[in-house]
C-alpha cells in the first residue's frame, strides 16, 4: 500500500477543516445535498483522510511543533556546532532539514539568554552543548545562561512537560565533579546529569562499533534489525540513572582497547536512551561527532526518532531496563 508523505497528509488535513464546519453546520442553512457531487466527494474524502490521521498529526494541523536547538559551549567546540554563517551550523542546518521533512520547526542559537524569554512556544529543547553553560568561554563568544534562565529551563521540562534531547557532548555538560574513574552517588550528581541520565568521562580514537537494538519501537530504529555498525567518536560514560530505558547499547567486544582506547575495556553500556523527568520526556544519543554523519542516515534517523519521542509524537514503554540490558554498565 502506498502511503502519502506526512507533509501531504498535513496539507490535506488543513484544507479539510472547512469540510467539518460545512457538513455539520445545518443550523446555518448549509446542506450537503446542495453541494455539487464532485465537491462533496472531494471534501468527504478529505474528511475521511483527516479522521485517519494519528492525533499527533492532527495536532500539528493547528499548531506547528517548534524545537529550540541550543549549541553553546564554554569548553570544546564540536565541528557540527560551528557557525557556517547566517546563524546556522552543520547540525542546525540538518535539524532544519529534518524539520521540513517531518513537520516541525527549529530555532537555532548559541545564546544562553534565549532561556530568559518565551519558552512556552517550544515543544522541546535539543542540546548539543559542552561545559558550564552559565560561564563564559569557548571558541565562539555567546551569552551565558542566567540563574533564572536555568531555573526556567528545568521548570519548563518538569512542570510544563517540555521535551529534552541531548546529542553527543550534551553529557559533557554540567558534569558531576569527583574521581573521573568512579561513579558518583546519585545524591552527589549535578541536577543536569541526574536529568539527562549519564555522564561522559573519556573517549578514545574514532572507530566503527556495533550498536545493539534493545528497544526497536521507534520508526527508524525498527528497520535496523538486531544491531547495526557505525563509525563515530564514542564516549565512555558513567553515572547512569537507574531508571534509564535503554534503546541502543554500545558493544565493546571487538573494539580497539589499547592505549587511549582503554576506556572501552568494559562491558557494553547504553549509548541511546530515554526516561521521564517530572512531566517531561528525556532522550539522549551519543552519535553526531562528525560533520559528514549529519548528512548520512544514522544521525538523522536517530535524532528524528528521538525528537518524535520527546515531543509526544511517538510513545515508548519507559520501563527501566538498565540492569537487564547492560548489567555491567557501572563497571569502568
Protein backbone atom coordinates (compact mmCIF):
# COMPACT_ATOMS: atom_id res chain seq x y z
CA UNK A 1 0.00 0.00 0.00
CA UNK A 2 1.44 3.40 -0.99
CA UNK A 3 1.45 6.00 1.76
CA UNK A 4 1.36 9.72 1.13
CA UNK A 5 4.19 11.81 2.64
CA UNK A 6 3.44 13.37 6.01
CA UNK A 7 3.56 16.89 4.55
CA UNK A 8 0.80 16.00 2.06
CA UNK A 9 -1.32 14.50 4.81
CA UNK A 10 -0.97 17.62 6.93
CA UNK A 11 -1.82 19.89 3.98
CA UNK A 12 -4.84 17.76 3.19
CA UNK A 13 -5.94 17.96 6.80
CA UNK A 14 -5.54 21.74 6.77
CA UNK A 15 -7.74 22.03 3.69
CA UNK A 16 -10.36 19.75 5.21
CA UNK A 17 -11.07 21.91 8.27
CA UNK A 18 -13.78 23.81 6.33
CA UNK A 19 -15.33 20.45 5.43
CA UNK A 20 -16.11 19.71 9.06
CA UNK A 21 -17.65 23.13 9.53
CA UNK A 22 -19.77 22.95 6.37
CA UNK A 23 -21.06 19.42 6.68
CA UNK A 24 -22.13 19.73 10.32
CA UNK A 25 -23.43 23.29 10.45
CA UNK A 26 -27.05 22.69 9.39
CA UNK A 27 -28.41 25.45 11.61
CA UNK A 28 -26.76 27.98 9.27
CA UNK A 29 -28.57 26.52 6.30
CA UNK A 30 -25.64 24.74 4.71
CA UNK A 31 -26.70 21.37 3.35
CA UNK A 32 -24.60 18.58 1.92
CA UNK A 33 -27.39 17.90 -0.59
CA UNK A 34 -26.89 21.32 -2.17
CA UNK A 35 -23.22 20.70 -2.85
CA UNK A 36 -22.13 19.69 -6.28
CA UNK A 37 -21.44 15.97 -6.48
CA UNK A 38 -17.72 16.40 -7.30
CA UNK A 39 -17.21 18.90 -4.46
CA UNK A 40 -18.97 16.64 -1.97
CA UNK A 41 -16.92 13.59 -2.93
CA UNK A 42 -13.68 15.59 -2.72
CA UNK A 43 -14.48 17.11 0.67
CA UNK A 44 -15.85 13.93 2.22
CA UNK A 45 -12.73 12.08 1.07
CA UNK A 46 -10.51 14.67 2.74
CA UNK A 47 -12.56 14.44 5.90
CA UNK A 48 -12.09 10.68 5.99
CA UNK A 49 -8.36 11.13 5.44
CA UNK A 50 -8.16 13.60 8.33
CA UNK A 51 -10.03 11.25 10.65
CA UNK A 52 -7.47 8.54 9.83
CA UNK A 53 -4.50 10.69 10.92
CA UNK A 54 -2.84 9.98 14.28
CA UNK A 55 -3.69 12.51 17.00
CA UNK A 56 -0.14 13.90 16.90
CA UNK A 57 -0.55 14.77 13.20
CA UNK A 58 -4.00 16.26 13.75
CA UNK A 59 -2.50 18.46 16.48
CA UNK A 60 0.17 19.60 14.04
CA UNK A 61 -2.55 20.93 11.73
CA UNK A 62 -3.47 23.70 14.15
CA UNK A 63 -0.11 24.32 15.82
CA UNK A 64 3.30 23.56 14.37
CA UNK A 65 5.69 21.77 16.71
CA UNK A 66 8.62 24.06 17.42
CA UNK A 67 12.04 22.96 18.68
CA UNK A 68 14.76 25.06 20.33
CA UNK A 69 18.19 23.81 19.26
CA UNK A 70 20.90 25.08 21.66
CA UNK A 71 24.59 24.55 20.88
CA UNK A 72 26.51 26.76 23.30
CA UNK A 73 29.93 25.63 24.54
CA UNK A 74 32.17 27.06 27.24
CA UNK A 75 34.71 24.33 26.55
CA UNK A 76 35.48 22.17 23.50
CA UNK A 77 33.58 23.14 20.36
CA UNK A 78 32.47 20.26 18.14
CA UNK A 79 32.66 20.74 14.38
CA UNK A 80 28.92 20.24 13.70
CA UNK A 81 28.15 23.19 16.02
CA UNK A 82 30.48 25.71 14.35
CA UNK A 83 28.59 28.57 12.73
CA UNK A 84 28.72 28.41 8.93
CA UNK A 85 27.21 31.85 8.59
CA UNK A 86 23.64 33.16 8.81
CA UNK A 87 23.41 31.68 12.32
CA UNK A 88 23.47 28.09 11.13
CA UNK A 89 25.85 25.19 11.81
CA UNK A 90 26.07 21.78 10.12
CA UNK A 91 23.92 20.27 12.88
CA UNK A 92 21.50 23.20 12.85
CA UNK A 93 21.10 23.02 9.08
CA UNK A 94 20.49 19.26 9.29
CA UNK A 95 17.91 19.71 12.05
CA UNK A 96 16.04 22.26 9.98
CA UNK A 97 16.04 19.83 7.04
CA UNK A 98 14.67 17.09 9.32
CA UNK A 99 12.01 19.54 10.45
CA UNK A 100 10.90 20.31 6.90
CA UNK A 101 10.69 16.59 6.16
CA UNK A 102 8.91 15.65 9.39
CA UNK A 103 6.64 18.56 10.24
CA UNK A 104 8.45 20.57 12.93
CA UNK A 105 10.16 23.95 13.07
CA UNK A 106 13.64 24.60 14.53
CA UNK A 107 15.11 27.73 16.12
CA UNK A 108 18.93 27.51 16.36
CA UNK A 109 21.01 29.53 18.82
CA UNK A 110 24.18 29.65 20.90
CA UNK A 111 22.82 32.45 23.09
CA UNK A 112 22.03 31.49 26.68
CA UNK A 113 19.75 34.49 27.07
CA UNK A 114 17.16 32.63 24.99
CA UNK A 115 16.08 30.92 28.22
CA UNK A 116 15.11 34.27 29.74
CA UNK A 117 12.49 34.67 27.01
CA UNK A 118 9.37 32.87 25.83
CA UNK A 119 9.88 29.12 26.35
CA UNK A 120 6.19 28.27 26.02
CA UNK A 121 6.50 28.42 22.22
CA UNK A 122 8.75 25.34 22.21
CA UNK A 123 7.70 21.72 22.46
CA UNK A 124 11.23 20.57 23.26
CA UNK A 125 14.85 21.61 23.73
CA UNK A 126 17.70 19.93 21.83
CA UNK A 127 21.18 20.38 23.36
CA UNK A 128 24.48 19.84 21.55
CA UNK A 129 26.43 21.62 24.29
CA UNK A 130 29.66 21.33 26.26
CA UNK A 131 30.94 22.67 29.57
CA UNK A 132 29.37 25.01 32.11
CA UNK A 133 26.66 26.91 30.29
CA UNK A 134 26.37 29.65 32.90
CA UNK A 135 30.06 30.52 32.48
CA UNK A 136 31.80 32.47 29.69
CA UNK A 137 34.37 30.79 27.50
CA UNK A 138 34.57 28.63 24.44
CA UNK A 139 35.91 29.28 20.99
CA UNK A 140 33.00 31.47 19.92
CA UNK A 141 31.62 34.21 22.21
CA UNK A 142 27.99 33.80 23.22
CA UNK A 143 25.82 34.89 26.11
CA UNK A 144 25.69 32.67 29.19
CA UNK A 145 22.58 31.13 30.74
CA UNK A 146 21.44 33.19 33.74
CA UNK A 147 20.42 31.61 37.04
CA UNK A 148 16.83 32.49 36.25
CA UNK A 149 17.15 31.06 32.74
CA UNK A 150 18.45 27.78 34.15
CA UNK A 151 15.57 27.64 36.63
CA UNK A 152 13.07 28.30 33.86
CA UNK A 153 14.68 25.61 31.69
CA UNK A 154 14.17 22.91 34.34
CA UNK A 155 10.71 24.22 35.21
CA UNK A 156 9.63 24.02 31.56
CA UNK A 157 10.60 20.34 31.46
CA UNK A 158 9.43 19.16 34.86
CA UNK A 159 6.30 21.25 35.31
CA UNK A 160 5.19 22.14 31.78
CA UNK A 161 6.09 18.87 30.08
CA UNK A 162 8.58 20.20 27.54
CA UNK A 163 10.80 17.54 25.98
CA UNK A 164 14.59 17.40 26.09
CA UNK A 165 17.03 15.69 23.73
CA UNK A 166 20.77 15.60 24.35
CA UNK A 167 23.17 14.90 21.48
CA UNK A 168 26.77 13.64 21.80
CA UNK A 169 28.57 16.12 24.11
CA UNK A 170 25.36 17.03 25.94
CA UNK A 171 26.63 14.52 28.55
CA UNK A 172 29.87 16.57 28.73
CA UNK A 173 27.81 19.46 30.10
CA UNK A 174 27.41 20.45 33.77
CA UNK A 175 29.31 17.34 34.84
CA UNK A 176 29.47 15.96 38.36
CA UNK A 177 32.87 16.65 39.96
CA UNK A 178 34.88 13.86 41.57
CA UNK A 179 37.08 10.93 40.63
CA UNK A 180 36.85 10.55 36.86
CA UNK A 181 37.04 6.76 37.02
CA UNK A 182 34.37 6.38 39.69
CA UNK A 183 30.59 6.56 39.61
CA UNK A 184 29.35 9.26 41.97
CA UNK A 185 26.41 8.57 44.33
CA UNK A 186 23.11 9.80 42.92
CA UNK A 187 22.71 12.43 45.64
CA UNK A 188 26.08 13.97 44.66
CA UNK A 189 25.38 14.22 40.94
CA UNK A 190 24.56 17.55 39.38
CA UNK A 191 20.94 18.40 38.69
CA UNK A 192 21.57 18.24 34.97
CA UNK A 193 23.38 14.87 34.99
CA UNK A 194 20.54 13.36 37.01
CA UNK A 195 18.11 14.67 34.39
CA UNK A 196 19.94 13.65 31.21
CA UNK A 197 20.76 10.24 32.69
CA UNK A 198 24.51 9.76 32.15
CA UNK A 199 27.91 11.48 32.09
CA UNK A 200 30.92 11.48 29.76
CA UNK A 201 34.31 10.71 31.28
CA UNK A 202 36.64 9.74 28.39
CA UNK A 203 36.84 8.84 24.72
CA UNK A 204 39.40 7.11 22.53
CA UNK A 205 40.09 7.17 18.81
CA UNK A 206 37.20 7.05 16.39
CA UNK A 207 36.28 3.54 15.34
CA UNK A 208 33.37 1.54 13.97
CA UNK A 209 31.34 -0.25 16.63
CA UNK A 210 28.25 -2.41 16.89
CA UNK A 211 25.13 -0.83 18.37
CA UNK A 212 22.64 -3.42 19.61
CA UNK A 213 18.96 -2.55 19.38
CA UNK A 214 17.40 -3.03 22.81
CA UNK A 215 14.05 -1.35 22.07
CA UNK A 216 13.02 -1.34 18.36
CA UNK A 217 9.84 0.71 18.85
CA UNK A 218 10.81 3.99 17.15
CA UNK A 219 10.35 4.09 13.34
CA UNK A 220 13.91 4.37 12.03
CA UNK A 221 15.34 2.10 14.71
CA UNK A 222 12.68 -0.52 13.94
CA UNK A 223 14.25 -1.00 10.49
CA UNK A 224 17.78 -1.71 11.77
CA UNK A 225 17.33 -5.32 12.82
CA UNK A 226 19.05 -6.60 15.95
CA UNK A 227 22.11 -4.38 15.51
CA UNK A 228 23.99 -2.11 13.13
CA UNK A 229 27.50 -0.70 12.86
CA UNK A 230 28.57 2.93 12.85
CA UNK A 231 31.80 4.95 12.99
CA UNK A 232 31.98 7.84 15.44
CA UNK A 233 33.89 9.23 18.39
CA UNK A 234 32.46 7.07 21.16
CA UNK A 235 32.02 8.40 24.66
CA UNK A 236 32.68 6.10 27.56
CA UNK A 237 30.08 7.10 30.13
CA UNK A 238 29.20 6.68 33.79
CA UNK A 239 26.68 7.91 36.39
CA UNK A 240 23.78 6.29 34.57
CA UNK A 241 20.34 6.99 36.04
CA UNK A 242 18.87 3.80 37.50
CA UNK A 243 15.55 4.42 35.71
CA UNK A 244 17.05 4.56 32.20
CA UNK A 245 15.13 2.92 29.41
CA UNK A 246 17.96 1.79 27.12
CA UNK A 247 17.22 1.96 23.38
CA UNK A 248 20.67 1.18 21.95
CA UNK A 249 23.66 -0.42 23.70
CA UNK A 250 27.26 0.04 22.61
CA UNK A 251 29.04 -3.29 22.26
CA UNK A 252 32.65 -3.14 23.43
CA UNK A 253 33.62 -6.62 22.23
CA UNK A 254 35.83 -6.20 19.19
CA UNK A 255 36.74 -2.59 19.92
CA UNK A 256 40.36 -1.42 19.99
CA UNK A 257 41.16 -1.12 23.71
CA UNK A 258 44.86 -0.28 23.57
CA UNK A 259 46.36 2.95 24.91
CA UNK A 260 43.90 5.84 24.88
CA UNK A 261 41.19 3.34 23.91
CA UNK A 262 41.46 1.58 27.27
CA UNK A 263 38.27 3.36 28.32
CA UNK A 264 36.41 0.81 26.20
CA UNK A 265 37.79 -2.10 28.21
CA UNK A 266 34.48 -2.59 29.96
CA UNK A 267 31.15 -4.39 29.42
CA UNK A 268 28.62 -2.94 26.99
CA UNK A 269 26.84 0.22 28.14
CA UNK A 270 23.97 2.46 26.96
CA UNK A 271 24.53 4.80 24.01
CA UNK A 272 20.93 5.90 23.32
CA UNK A 273 18.20 6.05 25.95
CA UNK A 274 15.03 7.66 27.26
CA UNK A 275 13.46 8.47 30.62
CA UNK A 276 10.97 10.84 32.27
CA UNK A 277 11.81 13.95 34.29
CA UNK A 278 8.66 15.14 36.01
CA UNK A 279 6.17 15.75 33.20
CA UNK A 280 8.88 15.96 30.54
CA UNK A 281 10.32 13.31 28.24
CA UNK A 282 14.10 12.97 28.09
CA UNK A 283 16.18 11.41 25.31
CA UNK A 284 19.89 11.11 24.56
CA UNK A 285 22.07 9.68 21.80
CA UNK A 286 25.87 9.52 21.71
CA UNK A 287 26.26 9.86 17.93
CA UNK A 288 26.92 13.05 15.96
CA UNK A 289 30.61 13.97 16.39
CA UNK A 290 31.44 14.28 12.68
CA UNK A 291 30.09 16.78 10.16
CA UNK A 292 29.53 14.18 7.46
CA UNK A 293 27.43 11.98 9.73
CA UNK A 294 24.71 14.65 9.82
CA UNK A 295 24.14 14.20 6.09
CA UNK A 296 24.20 10.39 6.23
CA UNK A 297 21.47 8.07 7.54
CA UNK A 298 22.20 7.12 11.14
CA UNK A 299 22.35 10.51 12.86
CA UNK A 300 19.24 11.99 11.16
CA UNK A 301 17.41 8.69 11.71
CA UNK A 302 18.14 8.55 15.43
CA UNK A 303 17.63 12.27 16.03
CA UNK A 304 14.30 12.33 14.17
CA UNK A 305 13.11 9.28 16.14
CA UNK A 306 14.08 10.87 19.45
CA UNK A 307 12.57 14.26 18.61
CA UNK A 308 9.37 12.38 17.81
CA UNK A 309 9.53 10.75 21.22
CA UNK A 310 10.34 13.83 23.33
CA UNK A 311 7.62 15.88 21.59
CA UNK A 312 4.98 13.17 22.13
CA UNK A 313 4.57 12.12 18.51
CA UNK A 314 5.84 8.63 19.34
CA UNK A 315 5.40 6.71 22.57
CA UNK A 316 7.78 4.34 24.33
CA UNK A 317 7.26 1.95 27.20
CA UNK A 318 9.70 3.58 29.61
CA UNK A 319 10.02 0.64 31.95
CA UNK A 320 13.60 0.85 33.34
CA UNK A 321 15.79 -1.80 31.69
CA UNK A 322 19.37 -0.74 32.51
CA UNK A 323 20.06 -3.76 34.72
CA UNK A 324 18.66 -6.25 32.20
CA UNK A 325 20.13 -4.72 29.02
CA UNK A 326 23.53 -3.55 30.33
CA UNK A 327 24.19 -5.34 33.63
CA UNK A 328 27.84 -4.24 33.66
CA UNK A 329 27.22 -0.59 32.84
CA UNK A 330 28.64 0.62 36.17
CA UNK A 331 31.98 -1.12 35.57
CA UNK A 332 34.53 1.42 34.37
